[in-house]
Amino acid sequence: MLVSTAGRTGGVIASAAVVVGVGALAWGALVERNAYTVRYETLAVLPAGSRTLTVLHLSDLHMAPWQTAKQNWVRSLAQLEPDLVVNTGDNLGHADGLRGIERALEPFRGIPGVYVNGSNDYFGPILKNPFIYFTGPSDSHKLNPPALNTAELTEFFDDLGWLSLNNAARAMSINGSRLEFMGVDDPHIGRDRLDMLPGALDELRENVGWKDDEGGPEVVTIGVAHAPYRRVLNSLVTNGANVIFAGHTHGGQVCIPGYGALVTNCDIPRNQVKGLSLWNHALKSAYLNVSAGLGTSIYAPVRFACKPEAVLLTLTAEDIGYSKEAFARVVKPDRS
């Protein structure tokens, strides 16, 4: 009788676990992956007396042509009237995804923007075992994935007036603030050329329009990359970044409430897989914003405890916000 009771109890527990698992999968696939949200952040990084500047951070749209709900939601973000758009790559999720990207981003025409590419701006997704992510960063780009029309995507971004930061440095003035940008092509597939950044910055500073105006505001330097590998973040900090934008991780995509991400798909610490934190290196530091992104692979259409997001960062003057030191007391990254 005792054995029989234990067996029935075990069966009930196993059945309950299956029900919970199926329910979680259904929630993640049917509800949460479409529960688009805006995360709002404020950073005091501009020189004293500066006007505020809003930055819309878009990442990992992984667009397929039939994803009209996502396209409509992204279009609606133009109502936030950002001063700057930062796109950290992986825009395409299908061979015909460009049509959806064009529809989603057309309302941002005329708004200054910068972008870098991710692997899914070069190669399409392929079906693979999702558990492979537990062994380390994915390497599906080595498995002969289908090529995407990167040139046409680049042409569209250029037509929007956005500036490429793929292993490049650029500058612009917005709301009276002088912004200096540096970025790299996707580190996840080895396209980053960190060795090019110092020279690109030197050339930029020699030719920028404000170089002879010594009475102007201090320059704010922004680093941009798709995949937040440590080597990239360290290099951006070394080269003077005040703020760094990245994506790629999907925030872990499938997380455990109270624990967080199970994987990062790069070597960034788990507790910095999404959100705003500080990245410290060689006695320097920069704010790091990692977006959880807006999409997923069409072959893994599920999110759990990790809503898809766009991020609106309001950059304010240093004299009206908290200091980096105060921020560090709140956020203490674990580099283990």
Protein backbone atom coordinates (compact mmCIF):
# COMPACT_ATOMS: atom_id res chain seq x y z
CA MET A 1 0.00 0.00 0.00
CA LEU A 2 2.82 2.38 0.82
CA VAL A 3 4.50 1.66 -2.50
CA SER A 4 1.24 2.16 -4.33
CA THR A 5 0.60 5.49 -2.61
CA ALA A 6 4.13 6.69 -3.34
CA GLY A 7 3.73 5.67 -6.95
CA ARG A 8 0.48 7.58 -7.28
CA THR A 9 2.04 10.64 -5.63
CA GLY A 10 5.00 10.50 -7.99
CA GLY A 11 2.67 10.20 -10.94
CA VAL A 12 0.67 13.22 -9.83
CA ILE A 13 3.84 15.28 -9.41
CA ALA A 14 5.13 14.22 -12.82
CA SER A 15 1.81 15.03 -14.46
CA ALA A 16 1.70 18.42 -12.76
CA ALA A 17 5.23 19.17 -13.95
CA VAL A 18 4.24 18.34 -17.52
CA VAL A 19 1.17 20.57 -17.29
CA VAL A 20 3.22 23.44 -15.88
CA GLY A 21 5.87 22.98 -18.57
CA VAL A 22 3.33 22.93 -21.38
CA GLY A 23 1.61 25.97 -19.92
CA ALA A 24 4.88 27.89 -19.65
CA LEU A 25 5.79 27.00 -23.23
CA ALA A 26 2.39 28.11 -24.48
CA TRP A 27 2.65 31.36 -22.53
CA GLY A 28 6.13 32.05 -23.85
CA ALA A 29 5.26 31.22 -27.45
CA LEU A 30 1.79 32.74 -27.72
CA VAL A 31 1.77 35.60 -25.23
CA GLU A 32 5.08 36.82 -23.86
CA ARG A 33 7.07 36.90 -27.10
CA ASN A 34 4.45 39.33 -28.43
CA ALA A 35 4.20 41.41 -25.23
CA TYR A 36 6.32 44.28 -26.54
CA THR A 37 7.30 46.84 -23.94
CA VAL A 38 9.33 50.03 -23.58
CA ARG A 39 11.95 50.18 -20.85
CA TYR A 40 12.65 53.74 -19.68
CA GLU A 41 16.04 54.78 -18.32
CA THR A 42 17.72 58.07 -17.38
CA LEU A 43 21.46 58.72 -17.48
CA ALA A 44 23.27 61.85 -16.31
CA VAL A 45 26.11 61.95 -18.82
CA LEU A 46 25.80 65.28 -20.64
CA PRO A 47 27.82 68.37 -19.68
CA ALA A 48 26.31 70.69 -17.07
CA GLY A 49 23.60 72.90 -18.48
CA SER A 50 22.84 70.62 -21.46
CA ARG A 51 19.35 70.08 -22.79
CA THR A 52 17.97 66.57 -22.37
CA LEU A 53 18.39 64.15 -25.25
CA THR A 54 16.26 61.04 -25.76
CA VAL A 55 17.74 57.92 -27.37
CA LEU A 56 15.61 55.08 -28.72
CA HIS A 57 17.56 51.82 -28.61
CA LEU A 58 16.29 49.16 -31.04
CA SER A 59 17.84 45.72 -31.28
CA ASP A 60 17.30 42.18 -32.54
CA LEU A 61 14.07 42.68 -34.45
CA HIS A 62 14.67 39.40 -36.36
CA MET A 63 11.93 40.52 -38.72
CA ALA A 64 9.90 38.16 -40.88
CA PRO A 65 7.51 39.57 -43.50
CA TRP A 66 4.37 38.24 -41.81
CA GLN A 67 5.12 39.83 -38.42
CA THR A 68 2.82 42.80 -38.93
CA ALA A 69 1.98 43.20 -35.22
CA LYS A 70 5.65 43.73 -34.43
CA GLN A 71 6.01 46.08 -37.38
CA ASN A 72 3.04 48.16 -36.22
CA TRP A 73 4.36 48.32 -32.66
CA VAL A 74 7.80 49.49 -33.80
CA ARG A 75 6.17 52.09 -36.05
CA SER A 76 4.26 53.42 -33.05
CA LEU A 77 7.54 54.16 -31.25
CA ALA A 78 8.00 57.17 -33.51
CA GLN A 79 5.34 58.84 -31.34
CA LEU A 80 7.95 58.95 -28.56
CA GLU A 81 9.75 61.54 -30.72
CA PRO A 82 13.30 60.40 -29.94
CA ASP A 83 16.19 62.70 -30.73
CA LEU A 84 18.38 59.77 -31.78
CA VAL A 85 17.92 56.13 -32.77
CA VAL A 86 20.60 53.53 -31.98
CA ASN A 87 20.12 50.22 -33.81
CA THR A 88 22.34 47.40 -32.56
CA GLY A 89 21.69 44.88 -35.30
CA ASP A 90 20.08 41.52 -36.10
CA ASN A 91 17.29 43.22 -37.99
CA LEU A 92 16.45 40.35 -40.33
CA GLY A 93 14.88 37.03 -39.43
CA HIS A 94 13.91 35.80 -42.88
CA ALA A 95 15.08 36.08 -46.49
CA ASP A 96 12.21 38.51 -47.14
CA GLY A 97 12.47 40.28 -43.79
CA LEU A 98 13.70 43.54 -45.31
CA ARG A 99 10.19 44.47 -46.44
CA GLY A 100 9.03 44.28 -42.83
CA ILE A 101 12.02 46.30 -41.62
CA GLU A 102 11.31 49.01 -44.17
CA ARG A 103 7.69 49.21 -43.07
CA ALA A 104 8.60 49.23 -39.37
CA LEU A 105 11.34 51.87 -39.54
CA GLU A 106 10.04 54.23 -42.23
CA PRO A 107 8.41 56.53 -39.61
CA PHE A 108 11.89 57.28 -38.25
CA ARG A 109 13.03 58.88 -41.47
CA GLY A 110 14.61 62.23 -40.69
CA ILE A 111 15.47 61.30 -37.10
CA PRO A 112 19.26 61.00 -36.62
CA GLY A 113 20.42 57.44 -36.16
CA VAL A 114 23.42 55.13 -36.00
CA TYR A 115 23.65 51.39 -36.54
CA VAL A 116 25.87 48.34 -36.48
CA ASN A 117 25.23 44.95 -38.01
CA GLY A 118 24.60 41.63 -36.31
CA SER A 119 25.05 38.18 -37.79
CA ASN A 120 21.38 38.12 -38.79
CA ASP A 121 21.98 41.08 -41.04
CA TYR A 122 24.31 38.83 -43.04
CA PHE A 123 22.91 35.31 -42.61
CA GLY A 124 19.44 33.90 -42.18
CA PRO A 125 18.39 31.69 -39.26
CA ILE A 126 18.64 27.90 -39.35
CA LEU A 127 16.96 25.18 -37.32
CA LYS A 128 19.20 23.99 -34.49
CA ASN A 129 19.07 22.36 -31.08
CA PRO A 130 18.29 25.12 -28.53
CA PHE A 131 20.23 23.27 -25.83
CA ILE A 132 23.45 23.97 -27.74
CA TYR A 133 23.47 27.44 -26.14
CA PHE A 134 24.32 25.81 -22.82
CA THR A 135 27.68 24.75 -24.28
CA GLY A 136 28.72 28.32 -25.14
CA PRO A 137 28.11 30.98 -27.81
CA SER A 138 26.38 29.68 -30.93
CA ASP A 139 28.36 29.15 -34.14
CA SER A 140 25.57 28.64 -36.66
CA HIS A 141 27.29 31.09 -39.01
CA LYS A 142 29.78 28.29 -39.68
CA LEU A 143 27.03 25.92 -40.87
CA ASN A 144 26.46 27.58 -44.26
CA PRO A 145 23.31 29.53 -43.36
CA PRO A 146 21.50 31.33 -46.20
CA ALA A 147 22.93 34.72 -47.12
CA LEU A 148 20.74 37.80 -46.67
CA ASN A 149 20.62 40.99 -48.72
CA THR A 150 22.91 43.05 -46.51
CA ALA A 151 23.60 45.59 -49.23
CA GLU A 152 19.93 46.45 -49.59
CA LEU A 153 19.52 46.74 -45.82
CA THR A 154 22.51 49.09 -45.67
CA GLU A 155 21.08 51.14 -48.52
CA PHE A 156 17.80 51.52 -46.62
CA PHE A 157 19.53 52.65 -43.43
CA ASP A 158 21.67 55.09 -45.36
CA ASP A 159 18.53 56.41 -47.06
CA LEU A 160 16.98 57.00 -43.63
CA GLY A 161 19.99 59.18 -42.89
CA TRP A 162 21.49 56.80 -40.34
CA LEU A 163 25.26 56.46 -39.98
CA SER A 164 27.08 53.13 -40.10
CA LEU A 165 29.38 52.42 -37.16
CA ASN A 166 30.65 49.10 -38.49
CA ASN A 167 34.32 49.43 -37.47
CA ALA A 168 33.96 53.18 -37.79
CA ALA A 169 33.67 56.45 -35.88
CA ARG A 170 31.23 59.29 -36.63
CA ALA A 171 30.04 62.48 -34.96
CA MET A 172 26.94 64.64 -34.79
CA SER A 173 25.49 67.49 -32.77
CA ILE A 174 21.98 67.05 -31.32
CA ASN A 175 20.16 69.54 -29.08
CA GLY A 176 23.43 71.39 -28.63
CA SER A 177 25.27 68.28 -27.40
CA ARG A 178 28.35 67.08 -29.21
CA LEU A 179 28.21 63.32 -29.67
CA GLU A 180 31.07 61.14 -30.80
CA PHE A 181 30.27 57.56 -31.84
CA MET A 182 32.46 54.52 -32.33
CA GLY A 183 31.35 51.03 -33.17
CA VAL A 184 32.29 47.62 -34.49
CA ASP A 185 30.84 45.10 -36.89
CA ASP A 186 29.44 41.97 -35.24
CA PRO A 187 31.93 40.45 -32.78
CA HIS A 188 29.90 37.23 -32.60
CA ILE A 189 31.07 36.24 -36.06
CA GLY A 190 34.50 37.81 -35.81
CA ARG A 191 33.84 40.89 -37.92
CA ASP A 192 34.94 43.36 -35.24
CA ARG A 193 38.16 45.26 -35.91
CA LEU A 194 39.02 46.71 -32.55
CA ASP A 195 42.44 47.64 -33.89
CA MET A 196 40.79 50.17 -36.20
CA LEU A 197 39.06 52.19 -33.47
CA PRO A 198 41.97 54.40 -32.32
CA GLY A 199 42.78 55.45 -35.88
CA ALA A 200 39.13 56.02 -36.73
CA LEU A 201 38.71 58.24 -33.67
CA ASP A 202 41.88 60.20 -34.44
CA GLU A 203 40.73 60.86 -37.99
CA LEU A 204 37.28 61.88 -36.78
CA ARG A 205 38.67 64.34 -34.26
CA GLU A 206 41.00 65.87 -36.83
CA ASN A 207 38.11 66.63 -39.18
CA VAL A 208 35.06 67.20 -37.00
CA GLY A 209 33.40 70.57 -37.43
CA TRP A 210 33.76 71.66 -33.80
CA LYS A 211 37.48 70.87 -33.43
CA ASP A 212 38.48 74.55 -33.37
CA ASP A 213 35.66 75.66 -31.05
CA GLU A 214 37.35 75.32 -27.68
CA GLY A 215 34.53 77.12 -25.89
CA GLY A 216 31.88 74.54 -26.76
CA PRO A 217 30.51 71.77 -24.54
CA GLU A 218 32.50 68.65 -23.77
CA VAL A 219 32.07 65.76 -26.16
CA VAL A 220 30.10 62.69 -25.04
CA THR A 221 31.44 59.45 -26.50
CA ILE A 222 29.06 56.59 -27.29
CA GLY A 223 30.15 53.04 -28.10
CA VAL A 224 27.95 50.69 -30.13
CA ALA A 225 28.24 46.95 -30.77
CA HIS A 226 25.87 44.10 -31.50
CA ALA A 227 27.31 41.39 -29.25
CA PRO A 228 28.66 42.53 -25.86
CA TYR A 229 31.76 40.38 -25.66
CA ARG A 230 34.15 41.41 -22.89
CA ARG A 231 36.99 42.17 -25.30
CA VAL A 232 34.72 44.63 -27.13
CA LEU A 233 33.39 46.33 -24.01
CA ASN A 234 36.93 46.64 -22.64
CA SER A 235 38.13 48.23 -25.87
CA LEU A 236 35.24 50.69 -26.00
CA VAL A 237 35.93 51.74 -22.41
CA THR A 238 39.65 52.06 -23.13
CA ASN A 239 38.85 54.30 -26.09
CA GLY A 240 36.80 56.64 -23.93
CA ALA A 241 33.17 55.53 -24.17
CA ASN A 242 30.83 57.19 -21.68
CA VAL A 243 27.87 55.01 -22.70
CA ILE A 244 27.78 51.68 -24.56
CA PHE A 245 24.80 50.19 -26.40
CA ALA A 246 24.56 46.48 -27.27
CA GLY A 247 22.05 43.73 -27.98
CA HIS A 248 22.45 40.13 -29.19
CA THR A 249 21.69 38.33 -25.91
CA HIS A 250 17.88 38.54 -26.12
CA GLY A 251 18.18 39.03 -22.37
CA GLY A 252 18.62 35.28 -22.10
CA GLN A 253 15.26 34.84 -23.90
CA VAL A 254 14.15 32.05 -21.56
CA CYS A 255 14.74 33.03 -17.93
CA ILE A 256 13.83 31.68 -14.52
CA PRO A 257 11.93 34.11 -12.28
CA GLY A 258 14.11 35.01 -9.32
CA TYR A 259 17.22 33.59 -10.98
CA GLY A 260 17.46 35.27 -14.35
CA ALA A 261 19.06 34.25 -17.60
CA LEU A 262 20.33 30.72 -18.12
CA VAL A 263 22.55 31.64 -21.08
CA THR A 264 24.01 34.80 -22.62
CA ASN A 265 25.26 33.59 -26.05
CA CYS A 266 28.53 35.43 -25.40
CA ASP A 267 30.90 35.87 -22.46
CA ILE A 268 29.16 38.72 -20.66
CA PRO A 269 28.23 37.95 -17.01
CA ARG A 270 24.69 36.66 -16.63
CA ASN A 271 23.60 39.53 -14.42
CA GLN A 272 24.48 42.00 -17.19
CA VAL A 273 22.71 40.08 -19.95
CA LYS A 274 20.09 42.83 -20.17
CA GLY A 275 19.35 46.21 -18.65
CA LEU A 276 21.51 49.09 -17.50
CA SER A 277 24.74 48.51 -15.59
CA LEU A 278 28.33 49.73 -15.34
CA TRP A 279 31.22 48.17 -17.24
CA ASN A 280 34.57 48.71 -15.54
CA HIS A 281 37.95 48.15 -17.12
CA ALA A 282 41.46 49.41 -16.36
CA LEU A 283 40.31 52.07 -13.89
CA LYS A 284 37.74 53.41 -16.35
CA SER A 285 34.03 52.76 -16.62
CA ALA A 286 31.06 53.31 -18.90
CA TYR A 287 27.34 52.86 -18.61
CA LEU A 288 26.29 49.71 -20.47
CA ASN A 289 22.79 49.26 -21.85
CA VAL A 290 22.08 45.78 -23.19
CA SER A 291 18.69 45.45 -24.85
CA ALA A 292 16.72 42.23 -24.51
CA GLY A 293 15.66 42.85 -28.09
CA LEU A 294 12.33 42.65 -29.85
CA GLY A 295 12.43 39.37 -31.72
CA THR A 296 13.45 35.74 -31.72
CA SER A 297 14.54 33.26 -34.34
CA ILE A 298 11.57 31.99 -36.34
CA TYR A 299 12.76 28.53 -35.28
CA ALA A 300 12.66 29.35 -31.55
CA PRO A 301 9.62 31.63 -31.17
CA VAL A 302 9.40 31.71 -27.40
CA ARG A 303 10.29 34.02 -24.51
CA PHE A 304 9.76 33.43 -20.83
CA ALA A 305 10.30 35.91 -17.99
CA CYS A 306 12.02 38.12 -20.57
CA LYS A 307 9.67 40.40 -22.47
CA PRO A 308 10.72 41.83 -25.83
CA GLU A 309 11.70 45.44 -25.43
CA ALA A 310 12.75 48.72 -26.93
CA VAL A 311 14.60 51.12 -24.64
CA LEU A 312 14.13 54.88 -24.33
CA LEU A 313 17.09 56.47 -22.55
CA THR A 314 16.89 60.09 -21.52
CA LEU A 315 20.36 61.61 -21.34
CA THR A 316 20.50 64.51 -18.89
CA ALA A 317 23.12 66.94 -17.66
CA GLU A 318 25.46 65.68 -14.98
CA ASP A 319 24.45 68.51 -12.66
CA ILE A 320 20.80 67.39 -12.44
CA GLY A 321 21.22 63.62 -12.14
CA TYR A 322 23.02 61.03 -10.07
CA SER A 323 26.73 60.44 -10.42
CA LYS A 324 28.36 57.34 -11.86
CA GLU A 325 29.71 56.63 -8.38
CA ALA A 326 26.19 56.67 -6.93
CA PHE A 327 25.01 54.39 -9.71
CA ALA A 328 27.87 51.99 -8.96
CA ARG A 329 26.73 51.69 -5.36
CA VAL A 330 23.38 50.42 -6.61
CA VAL A 331 24.64 48.18 -9.42
CA LYS A 332 27.62 46.01 -8.57
CA PRO A 333 28.36 43.70 -11.50
CA ASP A 334 29.56 40.19 -10.77
CA ARG A 335 32.37 39.32 -13.17
CA SER A 336 32.66 35.70 -12.09
